[in-house]
Amino acid sequence: MPRNLDRRVEVVVAVVDPDLHARLQQILAVNLADDMLAWELGGDGEWTKIPTRIGVCTQRRLYDLAAERARRHPSDLATLARG
């Protein structure tokens, strides 16, 4: 799959809301803990699959966290559905 490295926009913004900051930290921690889908780029330009030791899958874990949030705050889903 080709990568769009030349025609993209990246934006940085401060996250000051403590709840959003905590959520972003959680998402980052899940991504860094992934050992099922993760690959590492070596200094020689070769990609190596990270060995599975704990069995953290980012996609599954983030899905589970979203489902948990939806169960705790069902009214948030109704707000999103209304747009």
PDB file of N, CA and C in Angstrom:
ATOM      1  N   MET A   1       0.848  -1.164   0.000  1.00  0.00           N
ATOM      2  CA  MET A   1       0.000   0.000   0.000  1.00  0.00           C
ATOM      3  C   MET A   1       0.902   1.238   0.000  1.00  0.00           C
ATOM      4  N   PRO A   2       0.671   2.164  -0.927  1.00  0.00           N
ATOM      5  CA  PRO A   2       1.481   3.379  -0.946  1.00  0.00           C
ATOM      6  C   PRO A   2       1.152   4.282   0.242  1.00  0.00           C
ATOM      7  N   ARG A   3       2.154   4.972   0.724  1.00  0.00           N
ATOM      8  CA  ARG A   3       1.988   5.876   1.859  1.00  0.00           C
ATOM      9  C   ARG A   3       1.938   7.318   1.367  1.00  0.00           C
ATOM     10  N   ASN A   4       1.088   8.114   1.958  1.00  0.00           N
ATOM     11  CA  ASN A   4       0.986   9.522   1.608  1.00  0.00           C
ATOM     12  C   ASN A   4       1.892  10.325   2.541  1.00  0.00           C
ATOM     13  N   LEU A   5       3.160  10.430   2.177  1.00  0.00           N
ATOM     14  CA  LEU A   5       4.100  11.158   3.017  1.00  0.00           C
ATOM     15  C   LEU A   5       4.347  12.574   2.500  1.00  0.00           C
ATOM     16  N   ASP A   6       3.906  12.875   1.282  1.00  0.00           N
ATOM     17  CA  ASP A   6       4.184  14.174   0.676  1.00  0.00           C
ATOM     18  C   ASP A   6       2.988  15.116   0.671  1.00  0.00           C
ATOM     19  N   ARG A   7       1.775  14.608   0.608  1.00  0.00           N
ATOM     20  CA  ARG A   7       0.591  15.447   0.477  1.00  0.00           C
ATOM     21  C   ARG A   7      -0.346  15.249   1.671  1.00  0.00           C
ATOM     22  N   ARG A   8       0.141  15.541   2.833  1.00  0.00           N
ATOM     23  CA  ARG A   8      -0.710  15.416   4.012  1.00  0.00           C
ATOM     24  C   ARG A   8      -0.455  16.581   4.954  1.00  0.00           C
ATOM     25  N   VAL A   9      -1.385  16.793   5.845  1.00  0.00           N
ATOM     26  CA  VAL A   9      -1.285  17.863   6.830  1.00  0.00           C
ATOM     27  C   VAL A   9      -1.277  17.221   8.209  1.00  0.00           C
ATOM     28  N   GLU A  10      -0.349  17.647   9.029  1.00  0.00           N
ATOM     29  CA  GLU A  10      -0.305  17.181  10.414  1.00  0.00           C
ATOM     30  C   GLU A  10      -0.499  18.389  11.320  1.00  0.00           C
ATOM     31  N   VAL A  11      -1.256  18.198  12.375  1.00  0.00           N
ATOM     32  CA  VAL A  11      -1.594  19.291  13.267  1.00  0.00           C
ATOM     33  C   VAL A  11      -1.271  18.878  14.702  1.00  0.00           C
ATOM     34  N   VAL A  12      -0.765  19.814  15.474  1.00  0.00           N
ATOM     35  CA  VAL A  12      -0.497  19.591  16.889  1.00  0.00           C
ATOM     36  C   VAL A  12      -1.337  20.576  17.678  1.00  0.00           C
ATOM     37  N   VAL A  13      -1.963  20.088  18.713  1.00  0.00           N
ATOM     38  CA  VAL A  13      -2.811  20.943  19.541  1.00  0.00           C
ATOM     39  C   VAL A  13      -2.645  20.522  21.002  1.00  0.00           C
ATOM     40  N   ALA A  14      -2.697  21.478  21.891  1.00  0.00           N
ATOM     41  CA  ALA A  14      -2.622  21.172  23.326  1.00  0.00           C
ATOM     42  C   ALA A  14      -3.945  20.562  23.784  1.00  0.00           C
ATOM     43  N   VAL A  15      -3.861  19.532  24.587  1.00  0.00           N
ATOM     44  CA  VAL A  15      -5.052  18.911  25.167  1.00  0.00           C
ATOM     45  C   VAL A  15      -5.068  19.306  26.640  1.00  0.00           C
ATOM     46  N   VAL A  16      -5.986  20.201  26.977  1.00  0.00           N
ATOM     47  CA  VAL A  16      -6.016  20.736  28.347  1.00  0.00           C
ATOM     48  C   VAL A  16      -7.089  20.086  29.216  1.00  0.00           C
ATOM     49  N   ASP A  17      -8.087  19.461  28.600  1.00  0.00           N
ATOM     50  CA  ASP A  17      -9.129  18.790  29.373  1.00  0.00           C
ATOM     51  C   ASP A  17      -8.540  17.540  30.021  1.00  0.00           C
ATOM     52  N   PRO A  18      -8.592  17.429  31.349  1.00  0.00           N
ATOM     53  CA  PRO A  18      -7.976  16.291  32.043  1.00  0.00           C
ATOM     54  C   PRO A  18      -8.540  14.934  31.605  1.00  0.00           C
ATOM     55  N   ASP A  19      -9.851  14.861  31.356  1.00  0.00           N
ATOM     56  CA  ASP A  19     -10.447  13.591  30.939  1.00  0.00           C
ATOM     57  C   ASP A  19      -9.939  13.168  29.561  1.00  0.00           C
ATOM     58  N   LEU A  20      -9.880  14.119  28.631  1.00  0.00           N
ATOM     59  CA  LEU A  20      -9.366  13.806  27.297  1.00  0.00           C
ATOM     60  C   LEU A  20      -7.879  13.468  27.345  1.00  0.00           C
ATOM     61  N   HIS A  21      -7.150  14.171  28.192  1.00  0.00           N
ATOM     62  CA  HIS A  21      -5.718  13.892  28.342  1.00  0.00           C
ATOM     63  C   HIS A  21      -5.511  12.465  28.840  1.00  0.00           C
ATOM     64  N   ALA A  22      -6.290  12.062  29.832  1.00  0.00           N
ATOM     65  CA  ALA A  22      -6.188  10.703  30.373  1.00  0.00           C
ATOM     66  C   ALA A  22      -6.547   9.665  29.316  1.00  0.00           C
ATOM     67  N   ARG A  23      -7.579   9.966  28.522  1.00  0.00           N
ATOM     68  CA  ARG A  23      -7.991   9.026  27.473  1.00  0.00           C
ATOM     69  C   ARG A  23      -6.899   8.879  26.410  1.00  0.00           C
ATOM     70  N   LEU A  24      -6.292   9.993  26.015  1.00  0.00           N
ATOM     71  CA  LEU A  24      -5.193   9.927  25.046  1.00  0.00           C
ATOM     72  C   LEU A  24      -4.006   9.146  25.608  1.00  0.00           C
ATOM     73  N   GLN A  25      -3.715   9.330  26.880  1.00  0.00           N
ATOM     74  CA  GLN A  25      -2.636   8.570  27.519  1.00  0.00           C
ATOM     75  C   GLN A  25      -2.946   7.078  27.495  1.00  0.00           C
ATOM     76  N   GLN A  26      -4.205   6.737  27.738  1.00  0.00           N
ATOM     77  CA  GLN A  26      -4.626   5.333  27.718  1.00  0.00           C
ATOM     78  C   GLN A  26      -4.466   4.747  26.313  1.00  0.00           C
ATOM     79  N   ILE A  27      -4.893   5.496  25.302  1.00  0.00           N
ATOM     80  CA  ILE A  27      -4.770   5.036  23.917  1.00  0.00           C
ATOM     81  C   ILE A  27      -3.302   4.845  23.545  1.00  0.00           C
ATOM     82  N   LEU A  28      -2.457   5.782  23.939  1.00  0.00           N
ATOM     83  CA  LEU A  28      -1.029   5.664  23.655  1.00  0.00           C
ATOM     84  C   LEU A  28      -0.431   4.450  24.364  1.00  0.00           C
ATOM     85  N   ALA A  29      -0.807   4.234  25.611  1.00  0.00           N
ATOM     86  CA  ALA A  29      -0.289   3.089  26.364  1.00  0.00           C
ATOM     87  C   ALA A  29      -0.690   1.765  25.706  1.00  0.00           C
ATOM     88  N   VAL A  30      -1.923   1.686  25.233  1.00  0.00           N
ATOM     89  CA  VAL A  30      -2.380   0.466  24.553  1.00  0.00           C
ATOM     90  C   VAL A  30      -1.556   0.231  23.294  1.00  0.00           C
ATOM     91  N   ASN A  31      -1.360   1.284  22.503  1.00  0.00           N
ATOM     92  CA  ASN A  31      -0.581   1.144  21.272  1.00  0.00           C
ATOM     93  C   ASN A  31       0.857   0.712  21.549  1.00  0.00           C
ATOM     94  N   LEU A  32       1.460   1.266  22.585  1.00  0.00           N
ATOM     95  CA  LEU A  32       2.840   0.915  22.906  1.00  0.00           C
ATOM     96  C   LEU A  32       2.965  -0.494  23.489  1.00  0.00           C
ATOM     97  N   ALA A  33       1.876  -1.002  24.079  1.00  0.00           N
ATOM     98  CA  ALA A  33       1.906  -2.339  24.668  1.00  0.00           C
ATOM     99  C   ALA A  33       1.623  -3.440  23.652  1.00  0.00           C
ATOM    100  N   ASP A  34       1.132  -3.074  22.459  1.00  0.00           N
ATOM    101  CA  ASP A  34       0.756  -4.064  21.439  1.00  0.00           C
ATOM    102  C   ASP A  34       1.938  -4.971  21.109  1.00  0.00           C
ATOM    103  N   ASP A  35       1.711  -6.263  21.222  1.00  0.00           N
ATOM    104  CA  ASP A  35       2.743  -7.224  20.823  1.00  0.00           C
ATOM    105  C   ASP A  35       2.166  -8.301  19.903  1.00  0.00           C
ATOM    106  N   MET A  36       0.963  -8.043  19.390  1.00  0.00           N
ATOM    107  CA  MET A  36       0.357  -9.000  18.458  1.00  0.00           C
ATOM    108  C   MET A  36       0.361  -8.474  17.020  1.00  0.00           C
ATOM    109  N   LEU A  37       0.157  -7.175  16.856  1.00  0.00           N
ATOM    110  CA  LEU A  37       0.089  -6.591  15.517  1.00  0.00           C
ATOM    111  C   LEU A  37       1.282  -5.686  15.215  1.00  0.00           C
ATOM    112  N   ALA A  38       2.182  -5.527  16.171  1.00  0.00           N
ATOM    113  CA  ALA A  38       3.250  -4.541  16.055  1.00  0.00           C
ATOM    114  C   ALA A  38       4.475  -5.062  15.296  1.00  0.00           C
ATOM    115  N   TRP A  39       5.062  -4.141  14.551  1.00  0.00           N
ATOM    116  CA  TRP A  39       6.309  -4.390  13.840  1.00  0.00           C
ATOM    117  C   TRP A  39       7.281  -3.279  14.213  1.00  0.00           C
ATOM    118  N   GLU A  40       8.552  -3.568  14.141  1.00  0.00           N
ATOM    119  CA  GLU A  40       9.581  -2.594  14.491  1.00  0.00           C
ATOM    120  C   GLU A  40      10.510  -2.394  13.303  1.00  0.00           C
ATOM    121  N   LEU A  41      10.782  -1.131  12.981  1.00  0.00           N
ATOM    122  CA  LEU A  41      11.690  -0.805  11.891  1.00  0.00           C
ATOM    123  C   LEU A  41      13.094  -0.684  12.449  1.00  0.00           C
ATOM    124  N   GLY A  42      13.972  -1.537  11.969  1.00  0.00           N
ATOM    125  CA  GLY A  42      15.359  -1.524  12.425  1.00  0.00           C
ATOM    126  C   GLY A  42      16.179  -0.463  11.715  1.00  0.00           C
ATOM    127  N   GLY A  43      17.358  -0.212  12.238  1.00  0.00           N
ATOM    128  CA  GLY A  43      18.264   0.769  11.658  1.00  0.00           C
ATOM    129  C   GLY A  43      18.688   0.433  10.244  1.00  0.00           C
ATOM    130  N   ASP A  44      18.576  -0.835   9.886  1.00  0.00           N
ATOM    131  CA  ASP A  44      18.962  -1.265   8.537  1.00  0.00           C
ATOM    132  C   ASP A  44      17.810  -1.144   7.540  1.00  0.00           C
ATOM    133  N   GLY A  45      16.643  -0.623   8.007  1.00  0.00           N
ATOM    134  CA  GLY A  45      15.496  -0.465   7.126  1.00  0.00           C
ATOM    135  C   GLY A  45      14.617  -1.699   7.022  1.00  0.00           C
ATOM    136  N   GLU A  46      14.938  -2.747   7.767  1.00  0.00           N
ATOM    137  CA  GLU A  46      14.153  -3.982   7.748  1.00  0.00           C
ATOM    138  C   GLU A  46      13.105  -3.963   8.854  1.00  0.00           C
ATOM    139  N   TRP A  47      11.900  -4.443   8.504  1.00  0.00           N
ATOM    140  CA  TRP A  47      10.822  -4.565   9.476  1.00  0.00           C
ATOM    141  C   TRP A  47      10.872  -5.940  10.129  1.00  0.00           C
ATOM    142  N   THR A  48      10.704  -5.964  11.450  1.00  0.00           N
ATOM    143  CA  THR A  48      10.707  -7.210  12.213  1.00  0.00           C
ATOM    144  C   THR A  48       9.449  -7.269  13.066  1.00  0.00           C
ATOM    145  N   LYS A  49       8.758  -8.408  13.009  1.00  0.00           N
ATOM    146  CA  LYS A  49       7.557  -8.598  13.833  1.00  0.00           C
ATOM    147  C   LYS A  49       7.957  -8.647  15.298  1.00  0.00           C
ATOM    148  N   ILE A  50       7.248  -7.878  16.128  1.00  0.00           N
ATOM    149  CA  ILE A  50       7.486  -7.900  17.571  1.00  0.00           C
ATOM    150  C   ILE A  50       6.989  -9.247  18.103  1.00  0.00           C
ATOM    151  N   PRO A  51       7.797  -9.967  18.880  1.00  0.00           N
ATOM    152  CA  PRO A  51       7.343 -11.259  19.420  1.00  0.00           C
ATOM    153  C   PRO A  51       6.161 -11.088  20.380  1.00  0.00           C
ATOM    154  N   THR A  52       5.196 -11.978  20.283  1.00  0.00           N
ATOM    155  CA  THR A  52       4.044 -11.942  21.182  1.00  0.00           C
ATOM    156  C   THR A  52       4.439 -12.556  22.516  1.00  0.00           C
ATOM    157  N   ARG A  53       4.366 -11.730  23.560  1.00  0.00           N
ATOM    158  CA  ARG A  53       4.703 -12.211  24.899  1.00  0.00           C
ATOM    159  C   ARG A  53       3.491 -12.140  25.827  1.00  0.00           C
ATOM    160  N   ILE A  54       2.811 -10.991  25.808  1.00  0.00           N
ATOM    161  CA  ILE A  54       1.655 -10.798  26.685  1.00  0.00           C
ATOM    162  C   ILE A  54       0.360 -11.063  25.919  1.00  0.00           C
ATOM    163  N   GLY A  55       0.333 -10.704  24.647  1.00  0.00           N
ATOM    164  CA  GLY A  55      -0.854 -10.906  23.828  1.00  0.00           C
ATOM    165  C   GLY A  55      -1.759  -9.694  23.762  1.00  0.00           C
ATOM    166  N   VAL A  56      -1.179  -8.487  23.756  1.00  0.00           N
ATOM    167  CA  VAL A  56      -1.966  -7.267  23.659  1.00  0.00           C
ATOM    168  C   VAL A  56      -2.203  -6.948  22.183  1.00  0.00           C
ATOM    169  N   CYS A  57      -3.467  -6.888  21.802  1.00  0.00           N
ATOM    170  CA  CYS A  57      -3.866  -6.520  20.439  1.00  0.00           C
ATOM    171  C   CYS A  57      -4.530  -5.147  20.518  1.00  0.00           C
ATOM    172  N   THR A  58      -3.908  -4.131  19.915  1.00  0.00           N
ATOM    173  CA  THR A  58      -4.425  -2.769  19.995  1.00  0.00           C
ATOM    174  C   THR A  58      -5.862  -2.682  19.522  1.00  0.00           C
ATOM    175  N   GLN A  59      -6.175  -3.262  18.373  1.00  0.00           N
ATOM    176  CA  GLN A  59      -7.532  -3.162  17.844  1.00  0.00           C
ATOM    177  C   GLN A  59      -8.557  -3.752  18.806  1.00  0.00           C
ATOM    178  N   ARG A  60      -8.273  -4.922  19.343  1.00  0.00           N
ATOM    179  CA  ARG A  60      -9.207  -5.576  20.264  1.00  0.00           C
ATOM    180  C   ARG A  60      -9.353  -4.769  21.546  1.00  0.00           C
ATOM    181  N   ARG A  61      -8.231  -4.301  22.102  1.00  0.00           N
ATOM    182  CA  ARG A  61      -8.261  -3.571  23.371  1.00  0.00           C
ATOM    183  C   ARG A  61      -9.004  -2.239  23.232  1.00  0.00           C
ATOM    184  N   LEU A  62      -8.751  -1.503  22.141  1.00  0.00           N
ATOM    185  CA  LEU A  62      -9.445  -0.233  21.942  1.00  0.00           C
ATOM    186  C   LEU A  62     -10.937  -0.459  21.719  1.00  0.00           C
ATOM    187  N   TYR A  63     -11.287  -1.528  21.021  1.00  0.00           N
ATOM    188  CA  TYR A  63     -12.701  -1.885  20.843  1.00  0.00           C
ATOM    189  C   TYR A  63     -13.339  -2.155  22.205  1.00  0.00           C
ATOM    190  N   ASP A  64     -12.655  -2.941  23.038  1.00  0.00           N
ATOM    191  CA  ASP A  64     -13.184  -3.271  24.368  1.00  0.00           C
ATOM    192  C   ASP A  64     -13.354  -2.017  25.225  1.00  0.00           C
ATOM    193  N   LEU A  65     -12.392  -1.102  25.165  1.00  0.00           N
ATOM    194  CA  LEU A  65     -12.491   0.136  25.938  1.00  0.00           C
ATOM    195  C   LEU A  65     -13.661   0.993  25.453  1.00  0.00           C
ATOM    196  N   ALA A  66     -13.872   1.054  24.126  1.00  0.00           N
ATOM    197  CA  ALA A  66     -14.998   1.822  23.578  1.00  0.00           C
ATOM    198  C   ALA A  66     -16.327   1.202  23.999  1.00  0.00           C
ATOM    199  N   ALA A  67     -16.413  -0.130  23.958  1.00  0.00           N
ATOM    200  CA  ALA A  67     -17.646  -0.806  24.371  1.00  0.00           C
ATOM    201  C   ALA A  67     -17.918  -0.561  25.857  1.00  0.00           C
ATOM    202  N   GLU A  68     -16.883  -0.574  26.658  1.00  0.00           N
ATOM    203  CA  GLU A  68     -17.018  -0.315  28.090  1.00  0.00           C
ATOM    204  C   GLU A  68     -17.523   1.110  28.338  1.00  0.00           C
ATOM    205  N   ARG A  69     -16.960   2.094  27.606  1.00  0.00           N
ATOM    206  CA  ARG A  69     -17.422   3.479  27.731  1.00  0.00           C
ATOM    207  C   ARG A  69     -18.882   3.602  27.318  1.00  0.00           C
ATOM    208  N   ALA A  70     -19.268   2.908  26.255  1.00  0.00           N
ATOM    209  CA  ALA A  70     -20.653   2.970  25.778  1.00  0.00           C
ATOM    210  C   ALA A  70     -21.618   2.391  26.808  1.00  0.00           C
ATOM    211  N   ARG A  71     -21.202   1.330  27.491  1.00  0.00           N
ATOM    212  CA  ARG A  71     -22.056   0.742  28.531  1.00  0.00           C
ATOM    213  C   ARG A  71     -22.205   1.689  29.727  1.00  0.00           C
ATOM    214  N   ARG A  72     -21.123   2.386  30.066  1.00  0.00           N
ATOM    215  CA  ARG A  72     -21.154   3.303  31.209  1.00  0.00           C
ATOM    216  C   ARG A  72     -21.903   4.589  30.905  1.00  0.00           C
ATOM    217  N   HIS A  73     -21.852   5.040  29.642  1.00  0.00           N
ATOM    218  CA  HIS A  73     -22.443   6.331  29.255  1.00  0.00           C
ATOM    219  C   HIS A  73     -23.291   6.172  27.989  1.00  0.00           C
ATOM    220  N   PRO A  74     -24.406   5.459  28.067  1.00  0.00           N
ATOM    221  CA  PRO A  74     -25.216   5.243  26.866  1.00  0.00           C
ATOM    222  C   PRO A  74     -25.771   6.535  26.276  1.00  0.00           C
ATOM    223  N   SER A  75     -25.946   7.573  27.087  1.00  0.00           N
ATOM    224  CA  SER A  75     -26.471   8.834  26.554  1.00  0.00           C
ATOM    225  C   SER A  75     -25.501   9.478  25.573  1.00  0.00           C
ATOM    226  N   ASP A  76     -24.201   9.221  25.704  1.00  0.00           N
ATOM    227  CA  ASP A  76     -23.215   9.761  24.763  1.00  0.00           C
ATOM    228  C   ASP A  76     -23.466   9.223  23.358  1.00  0.00           C
ATOM    229  N   LEU A  77     -23.897   7.972  23.243  1.00  0.00           N
ATOM    230  CA  LEU A  77     -24.173   7.381  21.936  1.00  0.00           C
ATOM    231  C   LEU A  77     -25.364   8.055  21.290  1.00  0.00           C
ATOM    232  N   ALA A  78     -26.378   8.384  22.078  1.00  0.00           N
ATOM    233  CA  ALA A  78     -27.554   9.051  21.532  1.00  0.00           C
ATOM    234  C   ALA A  78     -27.174  10.442  21.026  1.00  0.00           C
ATOM    235  N   THR A  79     -26.315  11.130  21.733  1.00  0.00           N
ATOM    236  CA  THR A  79     -25.861  12.451  21.302  1.00  0.00           C
ATOM    237  C   THR A  79     -25.098  12.346  19.991  1.00  0.00           C
ATOM    238  N   LEU A  80     -24.225  11.372  19.867  1.00  0.00           N
ATOM    239  CA  LEU A  80     -23.475  11.176  18.630  1.00  0.00           C
ATOM    240  C   LEU A  80     -24.391  10.836  17.467  1.00  0.00           C
ATOM    241  N   ALA A  81     -25.412  10.025  17.728  1.00  0.00           N
ATOM    242  CA  ALA A  81     -26.333   9.613  16.672  1.00  0.00           C
ATOM    243  C   ALA A  81     -27.119  10.808  16.119  1.00  0.00           C
ATOM    244  N   ARG A  82     -27.416  11.755  16.983  1.00  0.00           N
ATOM    245  CA  ARG A  82     -28.166  12.930  16.533  1.00  0.00           C
ATOM    246  C   ARG A  82     -27.293  13.883  15.732  1.00  0.00           C
ATOM    247  N   GLY A  83     -25.973  13.782  15.905  1.00  0.00           N
ATOM    248  CA  GLY A  83     -25.057  14.637  15.137  1.00  0.00           C
ATOM    249  C   GLY A  83     -24.869  15.920  15.818  1.00  0.00           C
TER     250      GLY A  83
END
